[in-house]
Amino acid sequence: MKRWSVRLLAAIGIMLLAGCVTSPTRHLPANTQMLVAQELREQALAQHTRWTLEGRLGVSDGRDSGSGSLQWHQDGAVFRFTVHAPVTGKTWVLSGDAQGAELEGLRDAAVRGRNPAQLLLREVGWQVPFAQLVDWVRAARAPGTAQVQFDAQGLPAQIEQDGWTIRYGDYDPAQSPPLPRRVFASKGEQRVRLAIRRWQS
């Protein structure tokens, strides 16, 4: 991931010679250099498919809400999403891969499903766009069309995709590329909030 900045500087130099096209953004014009930088950043992230984050998760739908401490381990398509709810004292684990998902800790026996997002909605009542959140949580676009706005450092301040708006707070500069410390995703009354204490890759 350290070499991504070298490729980024080279790409920006080429785009400066070629000129740029601007579009409205939140803080700075989203010009060609920023979009090239984001593509290079996403390429660097794609090379590191094994990572872990620790922090707090909050989910709400305008009527009900839930929260807890979160440990999320991702290794390619294999994931383990562990939530501890301090109010109830319960810990449940959503795990799986591209073939399906399993939820443990809420019933006497594990519950299985083909889709982790649907399983989470059915059993916990949380609407979390799990497939896309794997990319969004690292401030990367999921597959498909997306619009990106940038902050003063040229990092994503907001991504709009699949009807969701994902806003980013500060970033951890110790990571290369920098990774978000705060992620706020919303779609209508649906809210997913992540306060990330630690990244490990």
C-alpha atoms as a PDB file:
ATOM      1  CA  MET A   1       0.000   0.000   0.000  1.00  0.00           C
ATOM      2  CA  LYS A   2       2.990   2.290   0.436  1.00  0.00           C
ATOM      3  CA  ARG A   3       3.539   2.475  -3.300  1.00  0.00           C
ATOM      4  CA  TRP A   4       0.062   3.864  -3.965  1.00  0.00           C
ATOM      5  CA  SER A   5       1.256   7.433  -3.250  1.00  0.00           C
ATOM      6  CA  VAL A   6       3.998   7.139  -5.888  1.00  0.00           C
ATOM      7  CA  ARG A   7       1.475   6.039  -8.500  1.00  0.00           C
ATOM      8  CA  LEU A   8      -0.865   8.785  -7.323  1.00  0.00           C
ATOM      9  CA  LEU A   9       1.719  11.555  -7.817  1.00  0.00           C
ATOM     10  CA  ALA A  10       2.568  10.269 -11.274  1.00  0.00           C
ATOM     11  CA  ALA A  11      -1.092  10.112 -12.287  1.00  0.00           C
ATOM     12  CA  ILE A  12      -1.804  13.594 -10.957  1.00  0.00           C
ATOM     13  CA  GLY A  13       1.158  14.984 -12.897  1.00  0.00           C
ATOM     14  CA  ILE A  14      -0.251  13.541 -16.117  1.00  0.00           C
ATOM     15  CA  MET A  15      -3.722  14.914 -15.409  1.00  0.00           C
ATOM     16  CA  LEU A  16      -2.360  18.373 -14.660  1.00  0.00           C
ATOM     17  CA  LEU A  17      -0.847  18.443 -18.148  1.00  0.00           C
ATOM     18  CA  ALA A  18      -4.081  17.240 -19.693  1.00  0.00           C
ATOM     19  CA  GLY A  19      -6.355  19.623 -17.789  1.00  0.00           C
ATOM     20  CA  CYS A  20      -9.368  18.674 -15.681  1.00  0.00           C
ATOM     21  CA  VAL A  21     -13.156  18.579 -15.638  1.00  0.00           C
ATOM     22  CA  THR A  22     -14.905  19.873 -12.528  1.00  0.00           C
ATOM     23  CA  SER A  23     -18.227  18.999 -10.886  1.00  0.00           C
ATOM     24  CA  PRO A  24     -19.905  20.217  -7.655  1.00  0.00           C
ATOM     25  CA  THR A  25     -18.465  18.867  -4.409  1.00  0.00           C
ATOM     26  CA  ARG A  26     -18.755  19.384  -0.710  1.00  0.00           C
ATOM     27  CA  HIS A  27     -15.425  21.059  -0.012  1.00  0.00           C
ATOM     28  CA  LEU A  28     -13.208  21.065  -3.101  1.00  0.00           C
ATOM     29  CA  PRO A  29     -13.990  20.740  -6.811  1.00  0.00           C
ATOM     30  CA  ALA A  30     -14.145  17.041  -7.718  1.00  0.00           C
ATOM     31  CA  ASN A  31     -11.708  17.330 -10.573  1.00  0.00           C
ATOM     32  CA  THR A  32     -10.051  14.633 -12.604  1.00  0.00           C
ATOM     33  CA  GLN A  33      -7.017  14.517 -10.317  1.00  0.00           C
ATOM     34  CA  MET A  34      -9.182  13.681  -7.307  1.00  0.00           C
ATOM     35  CA  LEU A  35     -11.060  10.969  -9.176  1.00  0.00           C
ATOM     36  CA  VAL A  36      -7.795   9.468 -10.405  1.00  0.00           C
ATOM     37  CA  ALA A  37      -6.462   9.612  -6.835  1.00  0.00           C
ATOM     38  CA  GLN A  38      -9.579   7.818  -5.597  1.00  0.00           C
ATOM     39  CA  GLU A  39      -9.224   5.111  -8.235  1.00  0.00           C
ATOM     40  CA  LEU A  40      -5.597   4.551  -7.219  1.00  0.00           C
ATOM     41  CA  ARG A  41      -6.580   4.543  -3.567  1.00  0.00           C
ATOM     42  CA  GLU A  42      -9.248   1.906  -4.255  1.00  0.00           C
ATOM     43  CA  GLN A  43      -6.754  -0.186  -6.227  1.00  0.00           C
ATOM     44  CA  ALA A  44      -4.396  -0.097  -3.244  1.00  0.00           C
ATOM     45  CA  LEU A  45      -7.196  -1.119  -0.878  1.00  0.00           C
ATOM     46  CA  ALA A  46      -8.230  -3.950  -3.215  1.00  0.00           C
ATOM     47  CA  GLN A  47      -4.776  -5.496  -2.805  1.00  0.00           C
ATOM     48  CA  HIS A  48      -5.355  -5.828   0.947  1.00  0.00           C
ATOM     49  CA  THR A  49      -8.456  -7.948   1.373  1.00  0.00           C
ATOM     50  CA  ARG A  50      -7.620  -9.025   4.929  1.00  0.00           C
ATOM     51  CA  TRP A  51      -8.391  -6.463   7.630  1.00  0.00           C
ATOM     52  CA  THR A  52      -9.971  -5.982  11.052  1.00  0.00           C
ATOM     53  CA  LEU A  53     -11.688  -3.002  12.619  1.00  0.00           C
ATOM     54  CA  GLU A  54     -12.806  -2.442  16.187  1.00  0.00           C
ATOM     55  CA  GLY A  55     -15.209   0.230  17.382  1.00  0.00           C
ATOM     56  CA  ARG A  56     -18.867   0.941  18.019  1.00  0.00           C
ATOM     57  CA  LEU A  57     -21.865   0.325  15.791  1.00  0.00           C
ATOM     58  CA  GLY A  58     -25.262   2.026  15.922  1.00  0.00           C
ATOM     59  CA  VAL A  59     -28.295   1.221  13.752  1.00  0.00           C
ATOM     60  CA  SER A  60     -31.717   2.911  13.682  1.00  0.00           C
ATOM     61  CA  ASP A  61     -34.780   3.078  11.439  1.00  0.00           C
ATOM     62  CA  GLY A  62     -36.667   6.065  12.865  1.00  0.00           C
ATOM     63  CA  ARG A  63     -38.569   3.856  15.334  1.00  0.00           C
ATOM     64  CA  ASP A  64     -36.145   1.362  16.845  1.00  0.00           C
ATOM     65  CA  SER A  65     -32.410   1.494  17.389  1.00  0.00           C
ATOM     66  CA  GLY A  66     -29.611  -0.687  18.607  1.00  0.00           C
ATOM     67  CA  SER A  67     -25.921  -0.354  19.319  1.00  0.00           C
ATOM     68  CA  GLY A  68     -22.939  -2.218  20.616  1.00  0.00           C
ATOM     69  CA  SER A  69     -19.226  -2.743  20.391  1.00  0.00           C
ATOM     70  CA  LEU A  70     -18.100  -4.194  17.087  1.00  0.00           C
ATOM     71  CA  GLN A  71     -15.239  -6.317  15.870  1.00  0.00           C
ATOM     72  CA  TRP A  72     -15.305  -6.917  12.128  1.00  0.00           C
ATOM     73  CA  HIS A  73     -12.813  -9.252  10.504  1.00  0.00           C
ATOM     74  CA  GLN A  74     -12.739  -9.521   6.717  1.00  0.00           C
ATOM     75  CA  ASP A  75     -10.565 -11.937   4.736  1.00  0.00           C
ATOM     76  CA  GLY A  76     -11.555 -11.769   1.084  1.00  0.00           C
ATOM     77  CA  ALA A  77     -15.160 -12.963   0.908  1.00  0.00           C
ATOM     78  CA  VAL A  78     -14.950 -14.523   4.396  1.00  0.00           C
ATOM     79  CA  PHE A  79     -16.237 -12.319   7.209  1.00  0.00           C
ATOM     80  CA  ARG A  80     -16.881 -12.393  10.941  1.00  0.00           C
ATOM     81  CA  PHE A  81     -19.029  -9.582  12.372  1.00  0.00           C
ATOM     82  CA  THR A  82     -19.142  -9.718  16.187  1.00  0.00           C
ATOM     83  CA  VAL A  83     -21.416  -7.373  18.153  1.00  0.00           C
ATOM     84  CA  HIS A  84     -21.632  -7.113  21.940  1.00  0.00           C
ATOM     85  CA  ALA A  85     -24.685  -5.243  23.241  1.00  0.00           C
ATOM     86  CA  PRO A  86     -23.851  -3.695  26.634  1.00  0.00           C
ATOM     87  CA  VAL A  87     -27.498  -3.267  27.698  1.00  0.00           C
ATOM     88  CA  THR A  88     -28.484  -6.920  27.278  1.00  0.00           C
ATOM     89  CA  GLY A  89     -24.990  -8.314  27.756  1.00  0.00           C
ATOM     90  CA  LYS A  90     -25.480 -10.527  24.703  1.00  0.00           C
ATOM     91  CA  THR A  91     -22.886 -11.162  22.045  1.00  0.00           C
ATOM     92  CA  TRP A  92     -23.895 -12.361  18.607  1.00  0.00           C
ATOM     93  CA  VAL A  93     -21.787 -13.263  15.601  1.00  0.00           C
ATOM     94  CA  LEU A  94     -22.652 -12.958  11.926  1.00  0.00           C
ATOM     95  CA  SER A  95     -20.188 -14.914   9.817  1.00  0.00           C
ATOM     96  CA  GLY A  96     -19.977 -16.397   6.362  1.00  0.00           C
ATOM     97  CA  ASP A  97     -18.632 -16.065   2.861  1.00  0.00           C
ATOM     98  CA  ALA A  98     -19.913 -15.685  -0.707  1.00  0.00           C
ATOM     99  CA  GLN A  99     -21.972 -18.882  -0.324  1.00  0.00           C
ATOM    100  CA  GLY A 100     -24.058 -17.787   2.667  1.00  0.00           C
ATOM    101  CA  ALA A 101     -24.136 -16.544   6.249  1.00  0.00           C
ATOM    102  CA  GLU A 102     -24.694 -17.843   9.768  1.00  0.00           C
ATOM    103  CA  LEU A 103     -25.918 -15.961  12.844  1.00  0.00           C
ATOM    104  CA  GLU A 104     -25.032 -17.292  16.302  1.00  0.00           C
ATOM    105  CA  GLY A 105     -25.834 -16.100  19.813  1.00  0.00           C
ATOM    106  CA  LEU A 106     -29.482 -15.036  19.535  1.00  0.00           C
ATOM    107  CA  ARG A 107     -31.169 -18.434  19.475  1.00  0.00           C
ATOM    108  CA  ASP A 108     -30.377 -21.823  20.947  1.00  0.00           C
ATOM    109  CA  ALA A 109     -29.016 -22.893  17.569  1.00  0.00           C
ATOM    110  CA  ALA A 110     -27.298 -20.997  14.777  1.00  0.00           C
ATOM    111  CA  VAL A 111     -29.521 -19.563  12.038  1.00  0.00           C
ATOM    112  CA  ARG A 112     -28.407 -19.681   8.419  1.00  0.00           C
ATOM    113  CA  GLY A 113     -29.279 -17.754   5.291  1.00  0.00           C
ATOM    114  CA  ARG A 114     -28.023 -17.061   1.782  1.00  0.00           C
ATOM    115  CA  ASN A 115     -27.754 -13.308   2.253  1.00  0.00           C
ATOM    116  CA  PRO A 116     -26.125 -11.751   5.365  1.00  0.00           C
ATOM    117  CA  ALA A 117     -28.094  -8.492   5.053  1.00  0.00           C
ATOM    118  CA  GLN A 118     -31.419 -10.326   4.838  1.00  0.00           C
ATOM    119  CA  LEU A 119     -30.454 -12.621   7.707  1.00  0.00           C
ATOM    120  CA  LEU A 120     -29.507  -9.647   9.869  1.00  0.00           C
ATOM    121  CA  LEU A 121     -32.773  -7.862   9.045  1.00  0.00           C
ATOM    122  CA  ARG A 122     -34.889 -10.929   9.753  1.00  0.00           C
ATOM    123  CA  GLU A 123     -33.249 -11.927  13.030  1.00  0.00           C
ATOM    124  CA  VAL A 124     -32.053  -8.626  14.508  1.00  0.00           C
ATOM    125  CA  GLY A 125     -34.278  -6.088  12.733  1.00  0.00           C
ATOM    126  CA  TRP A 126     -31.272  -4.131  11.475  1.00  0.00           C
ATOM    127  CA  GLN A 127     -31.110  -2.954   7.879  1.00  0.00           C
ATOM    128  CA  VAL A 128     -27.410  -2.906   7.094  1.00  0.00           C
ATOM    129  CA  PRO A 129     -26.238  -2.932   3.454  1.00  0.00           C
ATOM    130  CA  PHE A 130     -23.587  -5.488   4.275  1.00  0.00           C
ATOM    131  CA  ALA A 131     -22.307  -6.242   0.750  1.00  0.00           C
ATOM    132  CA  GLN A 132     -21.669  -2.559  -0.014  1.00  0.00           C
ATOM    133  CA  LEU A 133     -20.547  -1.651   3.498  1.00  0.00           C
ATOM    134  CA  VAL A 134     -17.480  -3.847   3.032  1.00  0.00           C
ATOM    135  CA  ASP A 135     -16.260  -1.192   0.575  1.00  0.00           C
ATOM    136  CA  TRP A 136     -17.917   1.890   2.075  1.00  0.00           C
ATOM    137  CA  VAL A 137     -16.379   1.363   5.504  1.00  0.00           C
ATOM    138  CA  ARG A 138     -12.942   1.926   3.944  1.00  0.00           C
ATOM    139  CA  ALA A 139     -14.201   4.971   1.979  1.00  0.00           C
ATOM    140  CA  ALA A 140     -14.231   3.088  -1.308  1.00  0.00           C
ATOM    141  CA  ARG A 141     -17.002   2.792  -3.870  1.00  0.00           C
ATOM    142  CA  ALA A 142     -18.874  -0.485  -4.099  1.00  0.00           C
ATOM    143  CA  PRO A 143     -19.364  -1.953  -7.596  1.00  0.00           C
ATOM    144  CA  GLY A 144     -21.755   0.164  -9.650  1.00  0.00           C
ATOM    145  CA  THR A 145     -22.380   3.843 -10.227  1.00  0.00           C
ATOM    146  CA  ALA A 146     -21.449   6.225  -7.418  1.00  0.00           C
ATOM    147  CA  GLN A 147     -20.843   9.918  -6.827  1.00  0.00           C
ATOM    148  CA  VAL A 148     -17.991  11.053  -4.601  1.00  0.00           C
ATOM    149  CA  GLN A 149     -17.335  14.369  -2.872  1.00  0.00           C
ATOM    150  CA  PHE A 150     -13.958  15.140  -1.352  1.00  0.00           C
ATOM    151  CA  ASP A 151     -12.623  16.909   1.716  1.00  0.00           C
ATOM    152  CA  ALA A 152      -9.818  19.432   1.893  1.00  0.00           C
ATOM    153  CA  GLN A 153      -7.222  16.635   1.944  1.00  0.00           C
ATOM    154  CA  GLY A 154      -8.617  15.046  -1.211  1.00  0.00           C
ATOM    155  CA  LEU A 155     -10.137  12.108   0.705  1.00  0.00           C
ATOM    156  CA  PRO A 156     -13.796  11.083   0.313  1.00  0.00           C
ATOM    157  CA  ALA A 157     -16.114  13.262   2.390  1.00  0.00           C
ATOM    158  CA  GLN A 158     -19.257  11.654   0.982  1.00  0.00           C
ATOM    159  CA  ILE A 159     -20.249   8.786  -1.302  1.00  0.00           C
ATOM    160  CA  GLU A 160     -23.733   8.460  -2.786  1.00  0.00           C
ATOM    161  CA  GLN A 161     -24.592   4.995  -4.068  1.00  0.00           C
ATOM    162  CA  ASP A 162     -27.589   2.654  -4.307  1.00  0.00           C
ATOM    163  CA  GLY A 163     -29.807   5.234  -2.605  1.00  0.00           C
ATOM    164  CA  TRP A 164     -27.478   5.487   0.392  1.00  0.00           C
ATOM    165  CA  THR A 165     -25.479   8.542   1.433  1.00  0.00           C
ATOM    166  CA  ILE A 166     -22.272   7.727   3.281  1.00  0.00           C
ATOM    167  CA  ARG A 167     -20.513  10.577   5.082  1.00  0.00           C
ATOM    168  CA  TYR A 168     -17.060  10.376   6.579  1.00  0.00           C
ATOM    169  CA  GLY A 169     -15.637  12.111   9.637  1.00  0.00           C
ATOM    170  CA  ASP A 170     -11.945  12.209  10.324  1.00  0.00           C
ATOM    171  CA  TYR A 171      -9.400   9.738   8.971  1.00  0.00           C
ATOM    172  CA  ASP A 172      -6.621   7.731  10.589  1.00  0.00           C
ATOM    173  CA  PRO A 173      -3.445   9.116   8.964  1.00  0.00           C
ATOM    174  CA  ALA A 174      -1.372   6.225  10.336  1.00  0.00           C
ATOM    175  CA  GLN A 175      -3.003   3.945   7.776  1.00  0.00           C
ATOM    176  CA  SER A 176      -1.799   3.916   4.183  1.00  0.00           C
ATOM    177  CA  PRO A 177      -4.033   4.874   2.465  1.00  0.00           C
ATOM    178  CA  PRO A 178      -5.764   6.738   5.330  1.00  0.00           C
ATOM    179  CA  LEU A 179      -8.908   4.982   6.606  1.00  0.00           C
ATOM    180  CA  PRO A 180     -12.022   6.551   8.152  1.00  0.00           C
ATOM    181  CA  ARG A 181     -12.554   6.813  11.878  1.00  0.00           C
ATOM    182  CA  ARG A 182     -16.229   7.740  11.548  1.00  0.00           C
ATOM    183  CA  VAL A 183     -18.748   6.500   8.992  1.00  0.00           C
ATOM    184  CA  PHE A 184     -22.392   7.645   8.787  1.00  0.00           C
ATOM    185  CA  ALA A 185     -24.619   5.871   6.241  1.00  0.00           C
ATOM    186  CA  SER A 186     -28.244   6.872   5.687  1.00  0.00           C
ATOM    187  CA  LYS A 187     -31.128   5.964   3.381  1.00  0.00           C
ATOM    188  CA  GLY A 188     -34.439   7.562   4.268  1.00  0.00           C
ATOM    189  CA  GLU A 189     -34.907   6.856   7.969  1.00  0.00           C
ATOM    190  CA  GLN A 190     -32.343   4.074   7.964  1.00  0.00           C
ATOM    191  CA  ARG A 191     -29.096   4.941   9.746  1.00  0.00           C
ATOM    192  CA  VAL A 192     -25.861   3.012  10.221  1.00  0.00           C
ATOM    193  CA  ARG A 193     -23.148   4.669  12.323  1.00  0.00           C
ATOM    194  CA  LEU A 194     -19.618   3.449  12.899  1.00  0.00           C
ATOM    195  CA  ALA A 195     -17.086   4.953  15.276  1.00  0.00           C
ATOM    196  CA  ILE A 196     -13.854   3.086  14.540  1.00  0.00           C
ATOM    197  CA  ARG A 197     -11.274   2.907  17.298  1.00  0.00           C
ATOM    198  CA  ARG A 198      -8.667   0.740  15.603  1.00  0.00           C
ATOM    199  CA  TRP A 199      -7.802  -0.592  12.158  1.00  0.00           C
ATOM    200  CA  GLN A 200      -5.547  -3.571  11.594  1.00  0.00           C
ATOM    201  CA  SER A 201      -4.478  -5.074   8.286  1.00  0.00           C
END
